[in-house]
Amino acid sequence: MKNYEFIIAGLPYLEPDFDNPSMDYDSLSAQILSYLDKRDRRYIDWLRFGLIPDNLSPHFYRTVAKNSNRFLRTYFAFDLMLRNIQATYLSRKQGLEPDKYLIGDSEIVEALKKNKTPDFGITSEIEFASRLLQIFEIKDLIEREKALDVMRWEEVNKICTFSYFNIDVILSFIFKTSILKRWHSLDKVNGALLFRKYVDEMRDSYKTIKE
């Protein structure tokens, strides 16, 4: 018998407050996991795996697209789109062709490879593209990353709009705690350096993988 109602009713409300730690996220996550069955814990494993930039390979995105869980399929489709657009933006800022940094073979990917207009010819096709391109223009690295995480936060809320007591709500909660934990682990002195490392890792994750 599932414990979703019991678990979700006891979850605290989270907001994207990146500066003020408010709880022990590790203990809370461990408590949630203790109530879940093997299949649901596996979904959380998939989510956590996909939140590590080094793991974001073409194989991962192909495989997660076939996952039986709707949250995982939907979120990582969004994540792939976001990262492909970001890879294109960063590549062209550096005078590079984005081809080798992109994952997938969709019409959007082809537009990102070939279209030379400022919006890559995708803003009419991708709902969040205009906002994303505006975020990329934010000069302050920390503020830019916060804006990207707010976009991710809003996306998982959107995915769960009509979900109330199911595993998708729990996955959304785990996702949000992972964002908050990452931000709260940064101090003001080391934050910029750590995020520079994070951005470099994300860029490197787009290197062509020979399979």
Protein backbone atom coordinates (compact mmCIF):
# COMPACT_ATOMS: atom_id res chain seq x y z
CA MET A 1 0.00 0.00 0.00
CA LYS A 2 1.38 3.41 -0.93
CA ASN A 3 2.08 6.03 1.72
CA TYR A 4 1.86 9.03 -0.58
CA GLU A 5 -0.91 10.84 1.32
CA PHE A 6 0.90 10.38 4.63
CA ILE A 7 4.27 11.50 3.23
CA ILE A 8 3.03 14.48 1.24
CA ALA A 9 0.79 15.78 4.02
CA GLY A 10 3.86 16.04 6.23
CA LEU A 11 6.13 17.82 3.75
CA PRO A 12 7.06 21.44 4.55
CA TYR A 13 6.31 24.11 1.98
CA LEU A 14 9.42 25.14 0.08
CA GLU A 15 10.19 28.44 -1.63
CA PRO A 16 13.19 29.31 -3.83
CA ASP A 17 14.94 31.18 -1.02
CA PHE A 18 18.57 30.53 -1.87
CA ASP A 19 20.13 32.48 0.99
CA ASN A 20 18.52 31.18 4.18
CA PRO A 21 18.85 27.49 5.12
CA SER A 22 15.80 26.34 7.04
CA MET A 23 16.06 22.59 7.55
CA ASP A 24 18.19 19.46 7.46
CA TYR A 25 17.54 18.34 3.87
CA ASP A 26 19.53 15.12 4.14
CA SER A 27 17.59 13.88 7.17
CA LEU A 28 14.29 14.84 5.61
CA SER A 29 15.13 13.05 2.36
CA ALA A 30 16.22 9.95 4.26
CA GLN A 31 12.95 9.94 6.15
CA ILE A 32 10.96 10.20 2.91
CA LEU A 33 12.93 7.35 1.35
CA SER A 34 12.20 5.10 4.33
CA TYR A 35 8.48 5.24 3.46
CA LEU A 36 8.85 4.42 -0.23
CA ASP A 37 8.94 1.08 -2.00
CA LYS A 38 11.78 -0.12 -4.21
CA ARG A 39 10.33 1.21 -7.46
CA ASP A 40 9.79 4.72 -6.10
CA ARG A 41 13.25 4.81 -4.55
CA ARG A 42 14.57 3.91 -7.99
CA TYR A 43 12.80 6.95 -9.47
CA ILE A 44 14.54 9.14 -6.90
CA ASP A 45 17.86 7.51 -7.83
CA TRP A 46 17.20 8.46 -11.45
CA LEU A 47 16.45 12.05 -10.45
CA ARG A 48 19.55 12.41 -8.31
CA PHE A 49 21.71 10.82 -11.00
CA GLY A 50 20.41 13.32 -13.54
CA LEU A 51 21.19 16.29 -11.29
CA ILE A 52 24.92 15.60 -11.58
CA PRO A 53 26.32 17.37 -14.70
CA ASP A 54 28.90 14.64 -15.35
CA ASN A 55 26.09 12.11 -15.82
CA LEU A 56 24.24 14.00 -18.54
CA SER A 57 25.17 11.99 -21.59
CA PRO A 58 23.21 11.26 -24.77
CA HIS A 59 22.64 7.76 -23.36
CA PHE A 60 21.11 9.17 -20.17
CA TYR A 61 18.69 11.42 -22.04
CA ARG A 62 17.65 8.64 -24.43
CA THR A 63 17.06 6.27 -21.55
CA VAL A 64 15.23 8.63 -19.23
CA ALA A 65 12.93 9.60 -22.11
CA LYS A 66 11.60 6.02 -21.95
CA ASN A 67 11.20 5.97 -18.17
CA SER A 68 7.81 4.90 -16.87
CA ASN A 69 7.61 7.95 -14.61
CA ARG A 70 6.04 11.07 -16.13
CA PHE A 71 7.92 13.54 -13.95
CA LEU A 72 11.31 12.17 -14.98
CA ARG A 73 10.41 12.09 -18.68
CA THR A 74 9.01 15.61 -18.66
CA TYR A 75 11.61 17.30 -16.50
CA PHE A 76 14.63 15.87 -18.29
CA ALA A 77 13.13 16.72 -21.69
CA PHE A 78 12.96 20.31 -20.41
CA ASP A 79 16.47 20.03 -18.96
CA LEU A 80 17.88 18.81 -22.27
CA MET A 81 16.24 21.64 -24.15
CA LEU A 82 17.55 24.21 -21.67
CA ARG A 83 21.09 22.84 -21.78
CA ASN A 84 21.12 22.62 -25.58
CA ILE A 85 20.07 26.26 -25.83
CA GLN A 86 22.65 27.22 -23.23
CA ALA A 87 25.37 25.27 -24.99
CA THR A 88 24.52 27.05 -28.25
CA TYR A 89 24.55 30.44 -26.57
CA LEU A 90 27.91 29.85 -24.86
CA SER A 91 29.46 28.39 -28.00
CA ARG A 92 28.53 31.32 -30.17
CA LYS A 93 29.66 33.80 -27.52
CA GLN A 94 33.08 32.18 -27.86
CA GLY A 95 32.99 32.08 -31.65
CA LEU A 96 32.55 28.29 -31.76
CA GLU A 97 30.14 26.15 -33.73
CA PRO A 98 27.68 24.48 -31.31
CA ASP A 99 27.30 21.21 -33.23
CA LYS A 100 29.55 19.05 -31.07
CA TYR A 101 28.01 20.32 -27.84
CA LEU A 102 24.39 19.49 -28.68
CA ILE A 103 22.51 16.33 -27.80
CA GLY A 104 19.70 14.87 -29.89
CA ASP A 105 18.50 15.14 -33.49
CA SER A 106 15.23 17.05 -33.22
CA GLU A 107 14.13 19.97 -35.38
CA ILE A 108 15.04 22.30 -32.53
CA VAL A 109 18.57 20.92 -32.37
CA GLU A 110 18.91 21.41 -36.13
CA ALA A 111 17.74 25.03 -35.74
CA LEU A 112 20.30 25.58 -32.97
CA LYS A 113 23.02 24.24 -35.24
CA LYS A 114 22.14 26.26 -38.33
CA ASN A 115 20.11 29.35 -37.48
CA LYS A 116 22.27 32.46 -37.07
CA THR A 117 19.61 34.87 -35.79
CA PRO A 118 19.89 36.22 -32.20
CA ASP A 119 17.06 33.99 -30.98
CA PHE A 120 18.29 30.94 -32.93
CA GLY A 121 14.89 30.79 -34.61
CA ILE A 122 13.33 28.94 -31.66
CA THR A 123 11.43 31.50 -29.60
CA SER A 124 8.19 30.83 -31.47
CA GLU A 125 8.58 27.09 -30.87
CA ILE A 126 9.89 26.94 -27.29
CA GLU A 127 7.73 28.61 -24.66
CA PHE A 128 10.55 29.51 -22.30
CA ALA A 129 13.24 30.37 -24.88
CA SER A 130 12.85 34.17 -24.80
CA ARG A 131 13.07 34.27 -21.03
CA LEU A 132 16.04 31.92 -21.07
CA LEU A 133 17.97 34.08 -23.53
CA GLN A 134 17.29 37.09 -21.31
CA ILE A 135 18.67 35.20 -18.32
CA PHE A 136 21.86 34.39 -20.22
CA GLU A 137 22.46 38.12 -20.62
CA ILE A 138 22.62 38.68 -16.84
CA LYS A 139 26.19 39.71 -16.15
CA ASP A 140 26.43 38.60 -12.54
CA LEU A 141 27.21 34.87 -12.51
CA ILE A 142 25.48 34.15 -9.21
CA GLU A 143 22.32 36.03 -10.16
CA ARG A 144 22.23 34.28 -13.52
CA GLU A 145 22.45 30.87 -11.89
CA LYS A 146 19.74 31.81 -9.41
CA ALA A 147 17.48 32.85 -12.27
CA LEU A 148 18.09 29.53 -14.02
CA ASP A 149 17.24 27.63 -10.86
CA VAL A 150 14.05 29.65 -10.43
CA MET A 151 13.11 28.61 -13.97
CA ARG A 152 13.79 24.97 -13.11
CA TRP A 153 11.77 25.34 -9.90
CA GLU A 154 8.82 26.75 -11.82
CA GLU A 155 9.04 23.93 -14.35
CA VAL A 156 8.69 21.21 -11.71
CA ASN A 157 5.74 23.10 -10.23
CA LYS A 158 4.17 23.12 -13.68
CA ILE A 159 4.74 19.38 -14.10
CA CYS A 160 2.92 18.76 -10.82
CA THR A 161 0.02 21.15 -11.45
CA PHE A 162 -2.55 18.36 -11.41
CA SER A 163 -0.65 16.01 -9.13
CA TYR A 164 -1.68 15.88 -5.49
CA PHE A 165 -0.80 12.60 -3.83
CA ASN A 166 1.57 10.70 -6.07
CA ILE A 167 5.26 10.08 -6.58
CA ASP A 168 5.63 13.10 -8.88
CA VAL A 169 4.98 15.44 -5.93
CA ILE A 170 7.66 13.67 -3.92
CA LEU A 171 10.12 13.85 -6.81
CA SER A 172 9.38 17.56 -7.13
CA PHE A 173 10.10 18.02 -3.43
CA ILE A 174 13.38 16.09 -3.62
CA PHE A 175 14.35 18.17 -6.64
CA LYS A 176 13.70 21.42 -4.79
CA THR A 177 15.64 20.32 -1.72
CA SER A 178 18.60 19.48 -3.96
CA ILE A 179 18.59 23.04 -5.32
CA LEU A 180 18.30 24.60 -1.87
CA LYS A 181 20.97 22.37 -0.40
CA ARG A 182 23.40 23.29 -3.17
CA TRP A 183 22.85 27.02 -2.66
CA HIS A 184 23.03 26.84 1.11
CA SER A 185 26.34 25.00 0.90
CA LEU A 186 27.93 28.04 -0.76
CA ASP A 187 29.35 30.91 1.26
CA LYS A 188 29.78 34.39 -0.14
CA VAL A 189 33.54 34.04 -0.41
CA ASN A 190 33.62 30.78 -2.36
CA GLY A 191 30.30 31.04 -4.16
CA ALA A 192 31.57 32.65 -7.35
CA LEU A 193 34.48 30.23 -7.65
CA LEU A 194 32.29 27.20 -7.06
CA PHE A 195 29.73 28.34 -9.57
CA ARG A 196 32.41 29.00 -12.15
CA LYS A 197 33.43 25.37 -11.63
CA TYR A 198 29.78 24.31 -11.93
CA VAL A 199 29.29 26.18 -15.20
CA ASP A 200 32.53 24.71 -16.59
CA GLU A 201 31.37 21.21 -15.63
CA MET A 202 28.02 21.78 -17.30
CA ARG A 203 29.74 22.99 -20.47
CA ASP A 204 32.11 20.02 -20.43
CA SER A 205 29.15 17.64 -20.14
CA TYR A 206 28.35 18.52 -23.77
CA LYS A 207 31.54 17.15 -25.15
CA THR A 208 30.83 14.55 -27.78
CA ILE A 209 30.62 11.10 -26.22
CA LYS A 210 31.73 8.17 -28.33
CA GLU A 211 29.35 5.29 -27.82
